[in-house]
Amino acid sequence: MAIEYLGLSEINGPLVVLEGVQNAAYDEIVEMTVAGSLHKIGRIIEIYGDRAIIQVFEGTDGMALRNTHTRLTGHPMEIEVSEEMLGRTFNGIGQPIDGLGDIISDVKLDINGKPLNPVTREYPRNYIRTGISAIDGLTTLIRGQKLPIFSGNGLPHDQLAAQIVQQASLGENSDEEFAIVFGAMGVKYDVADFFRRTFEESGVSEHVAMFINLANDPVVERLITPKIALTLAEYLAFEKGMHILVILTDMTSYAEAMREVSSSKGEIPSRKGFPGYLYSDLASLYERAGIVAGRPGSVTQIPILTMPNDDITHPIPDLTGYITEGQIVLDRQLNGQNIYPPINVLPSLSRLMKDGIGEGYTRADHQDVANQLFSCYAKVGDARALASVIGEDELSPIDKKYLEFGKAFEERFIGQAPHENRTILDTLDIGWKLLGMLPREELDRIDTKVLDQYYKTVDTVKE
């Protein structure tokens, strides 16, 4: 029999304190009735003896110490999951907001997920094609990987996320089922509308489940959104055998919500005011990506975060980099040159790339081309630095070649139209055309047999 508690002893921001509680558990969901009519749900986040601190998802507006009735449910937060959630739009706590009715399912799952035995993890193999050359060619996304995008305020990460949703696939010859779970946290209304409209107009919304937490929604909801998105992703992957790509934007909003709630609880802050458990909390989300032995499907993650003041050493990108397998870094200077997507390939990397490309996955020359493009573009930076000191006219002929290569690389390989969907073969062919601008003896990262097969000087290459 559920016990209902009358009144509260304290209200502090999104938190309330309930005293005299019996048999309560950490992370337990409570149902609250305010003034006899308004219903809210909350989560127990701390227990001291018979005193429970409750996080109210919808915020504490309208709540008073005497007008609230609280009932413990006896279970953590759960969500009904179903394949019918694809093509639907939900708010930050999983309630439909598209006017198409509730999701009815016999399957209810704990949004915190189940701990995954590391021994049961399979090593990620094969790739997911995004249609974007800078990603597919140089920082390839592998199934089961977690590969964040580090952006900054004002950079086109929202446009890039929408393009990835529209173009992502398992490759040209795959017949496996593929879907996307999209979670947006703390986004403005116009950004949420941009995502909705873009997915509908491009015809991809049928295989996308959207969870949207708006900037004016209660801050506590922001902490739930990625967990709900990942719970659906795990169900579709490991129970229904689908390959799921999860895109989460913006993880900075998530971390700042955590800092706000931590401050309300009176916890001692760590770096930049964030709680000391920021690392473990982020890890609890990111580590839900992967492939489980004996189960079909996979969960792949692209978390997007905006670096405050473009500072890659800020706690959020810093800790994210420790947990994930690489990063894709957007560059303000490239964006200022009207290059889209403005991906700076030198600090970007995919640590699992080598195991999901090459013969049988993409093409046998993929790794060689990527290595050589990285090497040549690094030399472009040296040539540009030298030109800024002695002037471009004083450069050696080979340095001038590198300057030409750098300009063409940024415009033709990194740069592409927002709706341009390149195959992996298109990307590799563009790479070879650019390498043809340089003398063969400069291409020291490619096997001689591969050079014999693909290398052509720029004079014989048609633009």
Protein backbone atom coordinates (compact mmCIF):
# COMPACT_ATOMS: atom_id res chain seq x y z
CA MET A 1 0.00 0.00 0.00
CA ALA A 2 1.43 3.38 -1.04
CA ILE A 3 1.73 6.01 1.67
CA GLU A 4 0.86 9.61 0.86
CA TYR A 5 2.72 12.36 2.69
CA LEU A 6 1.04 15.70 3.31
CA GLY A 7 3.04 18.92 3.06
CA LEU A 8 6.73 19.68 2.60
CA SER A 9 9.34 20.97 5.03
CA GLU A 10 11.41 23.04 2.58
CA ILE A 11 11.44 24.33 -1.03
CA ASN A 12 14.72 25.46 -2.64
CA GLY A 13 14.71 26.12 -6.39
CA PRO A 14 13.93 22.82 -8.19
CA LEU A 15 14.39 20.85 -4.94
CA VAL A 16 11.97 20.10 -2.11
CA VAL A 17 12.56 18.41 1.23
CA LEU A 18 10.17 15.83 2.67
CA GLU A 19 10.53 14.67 6.28
CA GLY A 20 9.18 11.58 8.06
CA VAL A 21 9.72 9.36 5.02
CA GLN A 22 9.81 5.58 5.47
CA ASN A 23 11.20 2.89 3.13
CA ALA A 24 12.33 5.42 0.51
CA ALA A 25 15.09 4.57 -1.95
CA TYR A 26 17.66 6.63 -3.85
CA ASP A 27 16.51 7.50 -7.41
CA GLU A 28 12.92 6.54 -6.56
CA ILE A 29 10.21 8.42 -8.46
CA VAL A 30 7.56 10.28 -6.48
CA GLU A 31 4.19 11.61 -7.68
CA MET A 32 3.12 14.99 -6.35
CA THR A 33 -0.31 16.60 -6.35
CA VAL A 34 -0.32 20.39 -5.88
CA ALA A 35 -3.47 22.13 -4.62
CA GLY A 36 -5.52 19.04 -5.41
CA SER A 37 -5.27 19.38 -9.19
CA LEU A 38 -1.75 20.00 -10.54
CA HIS A 39 0.29 16.80 -10.98
CA LYS A 40 4.09 16.70 -11.01
CA ILE A 41 6.71 14.00 -10.74
CA GLY A 42 10.04 14.10 -8.92
CA ARG A 43 13.03 11.95 -8.10
CA ILE A 44 14.68 11.29 -4.74
CA ILE A 45 18.30 12.37 -5.05
CA GLU A 46 19.41 12.25 -1.39
CA ILE A 47 18.25 10.56 1.82
CA TYR A 48 19.32 11.47 5.36
CA GLY A 49 17.53 9.22 7.88
CA ASP A 50 13.81 9.99 7.40
CA ARG A 51 14.56 13.14 5.37
CA ALA A 52 14.40 12.93 1.54
CA ILE A 53 15.51 15.57 -0.97
CA ILE A 54 13.37 15.44 -4.11
CA GLN A 55 14.15 16.87 -7.54
CA VAL A 56 10.92 18.12 -9.16
CA PHE A 57 11.04 17.68 -12.94
CA GLU A 58 8.44 20.29 -13.87
CA GLY A 59 9.89 22.84 -11.41
CA THR A 60 8.40 24.03 -8.12
CA ASP A 61 6.20 26.83 -9.50
CA GLY A 62 2.87 26.89 -7.65
CA MET A 63 4.11 24.60 -4.88
CA ALA A 64 3.87 25.60 -1.22
CA LEU A 65 4.76 23.82 2.00
CA ARG A 66 1.13 23.01 2.87
CA ASN A 67 -0.57 22.42 -0.50
CA THR A 68 1.46 19.45 -1.76
CA HIS A 69 0.69 15.74 -1.38
CA THR A 70 3.55 13.34 -2.17
CA ARG A 71 3.32 9.63 -2.95
CA LEU A 72 6.32 7.27 -3.33
CA THR A 73 6.02 4.92 -6.32
CA GLY A 74 8.57 2.34 -5.19
CA HIS A 75 10.53 2.30 -8.47
CA PRO A 76 13.03 4.48 -10.36
CA MET A 77 11.94 6.49 -13.39
CA GLU A 78 10.78 4.23 -16.19
CA ILE A 79 9.65 4.87 -19.74
CA GLU A 80 7.50 2.81 -22.08
CA VAL A 81 9.53 2.02 -25.19
CA SER A 82 8.41 0.87 -28.61
CA GLU A 83 9.47 0.89 -32.26
CA GLU A 84 6.49 3.21 -32.78
CA MET A 85 8.51 5.97 -31.10
CA LEU A 86 10.43 6.39 -34.36
CA GLY A 87 8.90 9.26 -36.29
CA ARG A 88 7.57 10.85 -33.09
CA THR A 89 8.56 13.94 -31.08
CA PHE A 90 8.71 14.01 -27.27
CA ASN A 91 9.54 16.52 -24.57
CA GLY A 92 12.54 16.21 -22.26
CA ILE A 93 10.92 13.58 -20.01
CA GLY A 94 9.52 11.41 -22.80
CA GLN A 95 5.96 12.76 -23.09
CA PRO A 96 4.64 13.11 -26.69
CA ILE A 97 4.37 16.72 -27.91
CA ASP A 98 3.42 16.03 -31.54
CA GLY A 99 -0.32 15.61 -30.91
CA LEU A 100 -0.33 11.98 -32.05
CA GLY A 101 -1.29 10.43 -28.71
CA ASP A 102 0.54 8.45 -26.05
CA ILE A 103 2.86 5.53 -26.67
CA ILE A 104 1.25 2.28 -25.47
CA SER A 105 3.73 -0.52 -24.85
CA ASP A 106 4.13 -3.56 -22.61
CA VAL A 107 7.86 -2.82 -22.24
CA LYS A 108 8.89 -0.40 -19.48
CA LEU A 109 12.56 0.23 -18.89
CA ASP A 110 14.56 2.01 -16.18
CA ILE A 111 16.01 5.13 -17.79
CA ASN A 112 19.30 4.65 -15.90
CA GLY A 113 20.00 1.51 -17.91
CA LYS A 114 21.68 -1.63 -16.65
CA PRO A 115 25.40 -1.87 -15.90
CA LEU A 116 27.15 -3.47 -18.87
CA ASN A 117 29.76 -6.13 -18.14
CA PRO A 118 32.92 -4.99 -19.98
CA VAL A 119 33.65 -8.61 -20.88
CA THR A 120 30.44 -8.74 -22.97
CA ARG A 121 31.43 -5.73 -25.08
CA GLU A 122 32.45 -6.45 -28.65
CA TYR A 123 35.12 -4.36 -30.33
CA PRO A 124 33.51 -1.82 -32.70
CA ARG A 125 33.89 -2.66 -36.40
CA ASN A 126 32.52 -1.25 -39.64
CA TYR A 127 31.59 2.36 -40.18
CA ILE A 128 28.62 4.70 -40.35
CA ARG A 129 28.63 6.98 -43.38
CA THR A 130 27.71 10.60 -42.73
CA GLY A 131 28.23 11.86 -46.30
CA ILE A 132 30.67 14.49 -44.95
CA SER A 133 34.22 14.07 -46.31
CA ALA A 134 36.09 15.52 -43.33
CA ILE A 135 34.38 12.96 -41.08
CA ASP A 136 34.14 9.92 -43.36
CA GLY A 137 37.62 10.35 -44.81
CA LEU A 138 39.72 11.48 -41.85
CA THR A 139 37.80 10.86 -38.59
CA THR A 140 35.59 7.95 -39.59
CA LEU A 141 32.66 7.17 -37.29
CA ILE A 142 32.67 3.47 -36.33
CA ARG A 143 29.56 1.54 -35.23
CA GLY A 144 29.47 1.38 -31.45
CA GLN A 145 31.81 4.37 -31.04
CA LYS A 146 31.28 7.58 -29.06
CA LEU A 147 32.69 10.48 -31.10
CA PRO A 148 31.89 13.99 -29.80
CA ILE A 149 31.79 17.23 -31.75
CA PHE A 150 33.55 20.13 -29.98
CA SER A 151 32.02 23.39 -31.15
CA GLY A 152 31.72 26.99 -29.99
CA ASN A 153 28.97 29.57 -29.68
CA GLY A 154 27.92 30.81 -33.12
CA LEU A 155 29.46 27.91 -35.04
CA PRO A 156 27.13 25.83 -37.24
CA HIS A 157 26.98 22.69 -35.07
CA ASP A 158 23.17 22.62 -35.27
CA GLN A 159 23.30 22.66 -39.06
CA LEU A 160 25.97 19.94 -39.01
CA ALA A 161 23.88 17.80 -36.64
CA ALA A 162 20.85 18.15 -38.92
CA GLN A 163 22.94 17.22 -41.96
CA ILE A 164 24.28 14.10 -40.22
CA VAL A 165 20.71 13.05 -39.31
CA GLN A 166 19.60 13.52 -42.94
CA GLN A 167 22.55 11.72 -44.52
CA ALA A 168 23.74 9.07 -42.05
CA SER A 169 23.54 5.47 -43.25
CA LEU A 170 25.31 2.12 -42.91
CA GLY A 171 26.75 2.43 -46.42
CA GLU A 172 25.53 1.72 -49.92
CA ASN A 173 25.33 -2.07 -49.73
CA SER A 174 23.94 -2.62 -46.22
CA ASP A 175 20.48 -4.13 -45.71
CA GLU A 176 20.56 -3.82 -41.89
CA GLU A 177 18.03 -1.62 -40.10
CA PHE A 178 19.26 1.83 -39.12
CA ALA A 179 17.60 4.61 -37.09
CA ILE A 180 18.48 7.78 -35.22
CA VAL A 181 17.60 8.96 -31.72
CA PHE A 182 17.99 12.72 -31.40
CA GLY A 183 18.14 14.42 -27.99
CA ALA A 184 18.24 18.23 -27.68
CA MET A 185 18.85 19.84 -24.28
CA GLY A 186 18.30 23.49 -23.45
CA VAL A 187 17.75 24.58 -27.07
CA LYS A 188 15.87 27.72 -28.06
CA TYR A 189 12.46 27.37 -29.66
CA ASP A 190 13.70 28.47 -33.11
CA VAL A 191 16.48 25.84 -33.00
CA ALA A 192 14.00 23.10 -32.04
CA ASP A 193 11.72 24.24 -34.86
CA PHE A 194 14.69 24.19 -37.28
CA PHE A 195 15.40 20.54 -36.41
CA ARG A 196 11.73 19.52 -36.71
CA ARG A 197 11.22 21.30 -40.00
CA THR A 198 14.50 20.08 -41.51
CA PHE A 199 13.80 16.43 -40.70
CA GLU A 200 10.24 16.62 -42.03
CA GLU A 201 11.17 18.40 -45.26
CA SER A 202 14.02 16.00 -46.00
CA GLY A 203 11.78 12.96 -45.43
CA VAL A 204 13.97 11.35 -42.74
CA SER A 205 11.67 11.97 -39.77
CA GLU A 206 10.14 8.47 -40.08
CA HIS A 207 13.33 6.85 -38.75
CA VAL A 208 14.13 9.58 -36.18
CA ALA A 209 12.85 9.74 -32.58
CA MET A 210 13.22 13.27 -31.19
CA PHE A 211 13.44 14.30 -27.53
CA ILE A 212 13.44 18.08 -27.09
CA ASN A 213 14.08 19.99 -23.88
CA LEU A 214 13.61 23.71 -24.53
CA ALA A 215 15.62 26.47 -22.87
CA ASN A 216 12.54 27.63 -20.93
CA ASP A 217 11.68 24.11 -19.71
CA PRO A 218 12.59 23.28 -16.09
CA VAL A 219 16.32 22.80 -15.72
CA VAL A 220 15.88 19.43 -13.98
CA GLU A 221 14.27 17.95 -17.10
CA ARG A 222 17.57 18.55 -18.88
CA LEU A 223 19.23 15.91 -16.70
CA ILE A 224 16.68 13.29 -17.75
CA THR A 225 16.58 13.87 -21.54
CA PRO A 226 19.80 12.05 -22.55
CA LYS A 227 18.98 9.10 -20.27
CA ILE A 228 15.57 8.66 -21.89
CA ALA A 229 17.06 8.96 -25.39
CA LEU A 230 19.71 6.34 -24.60
CA THR A 231 17.14 3.99 -23.03
CA LEU A 232 15.15 3.96 -26.28
CA ALA A 233 18.38 3.52 -28.27
CA GLU A 234 19.41 0.48 -26.19
CA TYR A 235 15.98 -1.11 -26.61
CA LEU A 236 15.96 -0.63 -30.40
CA ALA A 237 19.55 -1.88 -30.71
CA PHE A 238 19.78 -4.80 -28.33
CA GLU A 239 16.17 -6.02 -28.39
CA LYS A 240 15.13 -5.15 -31.96
CA GLY A 241 18.49 -5.62 -33.69
CA MET A 242 18.77 -2.14 -35.17
CA HIS A 243 21.89 0.00 -35.53
CA ILE A 244 21.15 3.24 -33.69
CA LEU A 245 22.96 6.57 -33.95
CA VAL A 246 22.32 8.82 -30.93
CA ILE A 247 22.96 12.56 -31.36
CA LEU A 248 22.92 14.59 -28.14
CA THR A 249 23.10 18.39 -28.26
CA ASP A 250 24.15 20.33 -26.26
CA MET A 251 26.07 18.51 -23.51
CA THR A 252 27.23 21.88 -22.16
CA SER A 253 23.59 22.70 -21.32
CA TYR A 254 23.33 19.33 -19.58
CA ALA A 255 26.47 19.96 -17.50
CA GLU A 256 25.38 23.48 -16.58
CA ALA A 257 22.01 22.12 -15.43
CA MET A 258 23.91 19.66 -13.24
CA ARG A 259 25.95 22.53 -11.80
CA GLU A 260 22.78 24.49 -11.01
CA VAL A 261 21.12 21.56 -9.24
CA SER A 262 24.35 20.75 -7.37
CA SER A 263 24.52 24.35 -6.15
CA SER A 264 20.89 24.15 -4.94
CA LYS A 265 21.83 21.05 -2.93
CA GLY A 266 24.65 22.97 -1.26
CA GLU A 267 27.38 20.64 -2.55
CA ILE A 268 31.02 21.73 -2.51
CA PRO A 269 31.92 22.79 -6.07
CA SER A 270 34.92 21.58 -8.04
CA ARG A 271 36.52 23.13 -11.16
CA LYS A 272 34.58 26.12 -12.58
CA GLY A 273 31.80 25.45 -10.05
CA PHE A 274 30.87 22.05 -11.52
CA PRO A 275 30.27 19.17 -9.10
CA GLY A 276 33.11 16.76 -8.43
CA TYR A 277 31.11 13.90 -9.96
CA LEU A 278 30.86 15.55 -13.41
CA TYR A 279 33.29 12.98 -14.85
CA SER A 280 31.43 9.92 -13.58
CA ASP A 281 28.07 11.39 -14.58
CA LEU A 282 29.22 12.05 -18.15
CA ALA A 283 30.77 8.58 -18.27
CA SER A 284 27.43 7.03 -17.22
CA LEU A 285 25.95 8.51 -20.42
CA TYR A 286 28.81 8.05 -22.89
CA GLU A 287 29.53 4.46 -21.85
CA ARG A 288 26.04 3.41 -22.89
CA ALA A 289 27.35 3.30 -26.47
CA GLY A 290 28.71 0.04 -27.78
CA ILE A 291 28.06 -3.45 -29.11
CA VAL A 292 27.05 -6.32 -26.81
CA ALA A 293 28.23 -9.85 -27.56
CA GLY A 294 25.39 -12.14 -28.59
CA ARG A 295 23.01 -9.25 -29.20
CA PRO A 296 22.20 -7.80 -32.61
CA GLY A 297 22.50 -4.08 -33.27
CA SER A 298 24.72 -1.32 -31.92
CA VAL A 299 24.49 2.07 -30.21
CA THR A 300 26.74 4.82 -31.59
CA GLN A 301 26.92 8.28 -30.02
CA ILE A 302 27.71 11.75 -31.33
CA PRO A 303 27.47 14.10 -28.34
CA ILE A 304 27.77 17.78 -29.33
CA LEU A 305 29.09 20.36 -26.88
CA THR A 306 29.86 24.06 -27.15
CA MET A 307 33.17 24.96 -25.51
CA PRO A 308 32.80 28.11 -23.36
CA ASN A 309 35.08 30.80 -24.86
CA ASP A 310 36.34 28.15 -27.35
CA ASP A 311 38.42 26.71 -24.48
CA ILE A 312 39.16 23.06 -25.17
CA THR A 313 40.67 22.75 -21.66
CA HIS A 314 37.33 23.67 -20.04
CA PRO A 315 36.10 20.85 -17.74
CA ILE A 316 33.27 19.74 -20.06
CA PRO A 317 35.33 19.11 -23.26
CA ASP A 318 38.34 18.08 -21.15
CA LEU A 319 36.48 15.31 -19.30
CA THR A 320 34.55 14.32 -22.43
CA GLY A 321 37.84 13.80 -24.25
CA TYR A 322 39.02 11.37 -21.53
CA ILE A 323 35.90 9.22 -21.86
CA THR A 324 35.23 9.19 -25.60
CA GLU A 325 37.22 7.73 -28.50
CA GLY A 326 38.34 10.91 -30.23
CA GLN A 327 36.71 14.20 -31.16
CA ILE A 328 35.67 16.35 -34.13
CA VAL A 329 36.69 19.99 -33.60
CA LEU A 330 34.94 22.90 -35.32
CA ASP A 331 37.15 25.90 -36.08
CA ARG A 332 36.14 29.57 -35.88
CA GLN A 333 38.79 30.66 -38.41
CA LEU A 334 37.54 28.23 -41.07
CA ASN A 335 33.99 29.36 -40.36
CA GLY A 336 35.11 32.96 -40.93
CA GLN A 337 36.32 31.90 -44.39
CA ASN A 338 32.81 30.61 -45.22
CA ILE A 339 34.00 27.00 -45.25
CA TYR A 340 31.26 24.59 -44.22
CA PRO A 341 31.51 22.38 -42.25
CA PRO A 342 34.37 24.23 -40.51
CA ILE A 343 36.08 21.06 -39.24
CA ASN A 344 39.69 21.52 -38.16
CA VAL A 345 41.10 18.12 -39.10
CA LEU A 346 44.45 18.41 -37.27
CA PRO A 347 43.12 18.32 -33.66
CA SER A 348 40.30 15.97 -34.73
CA LEU A 349 40.72 12.23 -34.55
CA SER A 350 38.83 8.96 -34.36
CA ARG A 351 40.73 6.42 -32.26
CA LEU A 352 38.72 3.47 -33.61
CA MET A 353 38.93 4.53 -37.26
CA LYS A 354 41.69 2.07 -38.20
CA ASP A 355 39.52 -0.93 -37.26
CA GLY A 356 36.47 -0.03 -39.34
CA ILE A 357 37.94 1.11 -42.66
CA GLY A 358 40.00 -0.43 -45.46
CA GLU A 359 39.35 -3.49 -47.56
CA GLY A 360 35.99 -5.10 -46.80
CA TYR A 361 34.66 -1.92 -45.17
CA THR A 362 35.45 1.18 -47.27
CA ARG A 363 38.34 0.83 -49.73
CA ALA A 364 41.83 -0.64 -49.40
CA ASP A 365 43.58 2.73 -49.84
CA HIS A 366 41.52 4.60 -47.21
CA GLN A 367 44.06 4.54 -44.35
CA ASP A 368 46.95 5.54 -46.64
CA VAL A 369 44.99 8.47 -48.10
CA ALA A 370 43.95 9.69 -44.64
CA ASN A 371 47.52 9.48 -43.30
CA GLN A 372 48.90 11.39 -46.27
CA LEU A 373 46.26 14.11 -46.18
CA PHE A 374 46.93 14.67 -42.47
CA SER A 375 50.68 14.85 -43.11
CA CYS A 376 50.40 17.24 -46.04
CA TYR A 377 47.93 19.55 -44.30
CA ALA A 378 50.25 19.75 -41.28
CA LYS A 379 53.00 21.00 -43.63
CA VAL A 380 50.57 23.61 -44.96
CA GLY A 381 50.58 25.19 -41.51
CA ASP A 382 54.38 25.40 -41.56
CA ALA A 383 54.36 26.98 -45.03
CA ARG A 384 51.74 29.55 -43.98
CA ALA A 385 53.74 30.46 -40.86
CA LEU A 386 56.86 30.94 -42.97
CA ALA A 387 54.97 33.02 -45.54
CA SER A 388 53.74 35.33 -42.80
CA VAL A 389 57.37 36.06 -41.89
CA ILE A 390 59.24 36.29 -45.21
CA GLY A 391 56.35 36.80 -47.64
CA GLU A 392 54.81 34.36 -50.09
CA ASP A 393 57.05 35.41 -53.00
CA GLU A 394 60.16 34.30 -51.11
CA LEU A 395 58.91 30.77 -50.49
CA SER A 396 60.48 27.77 -52.19
CA PRO A 397 58.55 26.14 -55.06
CA ILE A 398 57.50 23.19 -52.86
CA ASP A 399 56.23 25.50 -50.11
CA LYS A 400 54.16 27.36 -52.71
CA LYS A 401 52.75 23.99 -53.80
CA TYR A 402 51.75 23.30 -50.20
CA LEU A 403 49.99 26.68 -49.97
CA GLU A 404 47.98 25.83 -53.11
CA PHE A 405 47.23 22.38 -51.73
CA GLY A 406 46.05 23.83 -48.39
CA LYS A 407 43.63 26.26 -50.03
CA ALA A 408 42.22 23.54 -52.31
CA PHE A 409 41.99 21.05 -49.42
CA GLU A 410 39.95 23.44 -47.29
CA GLU A 411 37.64 24.45 -50.13
CA ARG A 412 37.14 21.12 -51.90
CA PHE A 413 37.68 18.39 -49.29
CA ILE A 414 36.63 19.96 -45.98
CA GLY A 415 34.17 22.35 -47.61
CA GLN A 416 30.96 21.01 -49.13
CA ALA A 417 27.37 22.13 -49.55
CA PRO A 418 24.98 21.68 -46.60
CA HIS A 419 22.95 19.15 -48.59
CA GLU A 420 25.85 17.47 -50.41
CA ASN A 421 25.91 13.76 -49.56
CA ARG A 422 29.22 12.25 -50.66
CA THR A 423 29.86 8.52 -50.83
CA ILE A 424 33.05 7.17 -49.31
CA LEU A 425 34.42 6.60 -52.83
CA ASP A 426 33.70 10.24 -53.75
CA THR A 427 35.61 11.34 -50.66
CA LEU A 428 38.65 9.17 -51.41
CA ASP A 429 38.70 10.24 -55.07
CA ILE A 430 38.69 13.91 -54.05
CA GLY A 431 41.58 13.15 -51.71
CA TRP A 432 43.59 11.61 -54.55
CA LYS A 433 42.93 14.59 -56.82
CA LEU A 434 44.26 16.93 -54.13
CA LEU A 435 47.33 14.76 -53.54
CA GLY A 436 47.96 14.95 -57.29
CA MET A 437 48.78 18.65 -56.78
CA LEU A 438 51.98 17.60 -54.97
CA PRO A 439 55.06 15.83 -56.39
CA ARG A 440 55.03 12.07 -55.95
CA GLU A 441 58.17 12.13 -53.82
CA GLU A 442 56.31 14.20 -51.19
CA LEU A 443 53.78 11.40 -50.64
CA ASP A 444 55.80 9.37 -48.15
CA ARG A 445 52.90 7.93 -46.14
CA ILE A 446 51.46 5.80 -48.97
CA ASP A 447 52.60 2.35 -50.08
CA THR A 448 54.28 2.32 -53.53
CA LYS A 449 51.75 -0.17 -54.94
CA VAL A 450 48.85 2.05 -53.86
CA LEU A 451 50.58 5.09 -55.42
CA ASP A 452 51.03 3.21 -58.70
CA GLN A 453 47.32 2.41 -58.75
CA TYR A 454 45.79 5.77 -57.81
CA TYR A 455 48.30 8.64 -58.11
CA LYS A 456 47.91 11.05 -61.03
CA THR A 457 49.61 14.42 -61.35
CA VAL A 458 47.40 17.47 -61.33
CA ASP A 459 48.07 18.08 -65.04
CA THR A 460 46.18 14.90 -65.94
CA VAL A 461 43.33 15.44 -63.46
CA LYS A 462 40.16 17.16 -64.58
CA GLU A 463 38.64 19.43 -61.95
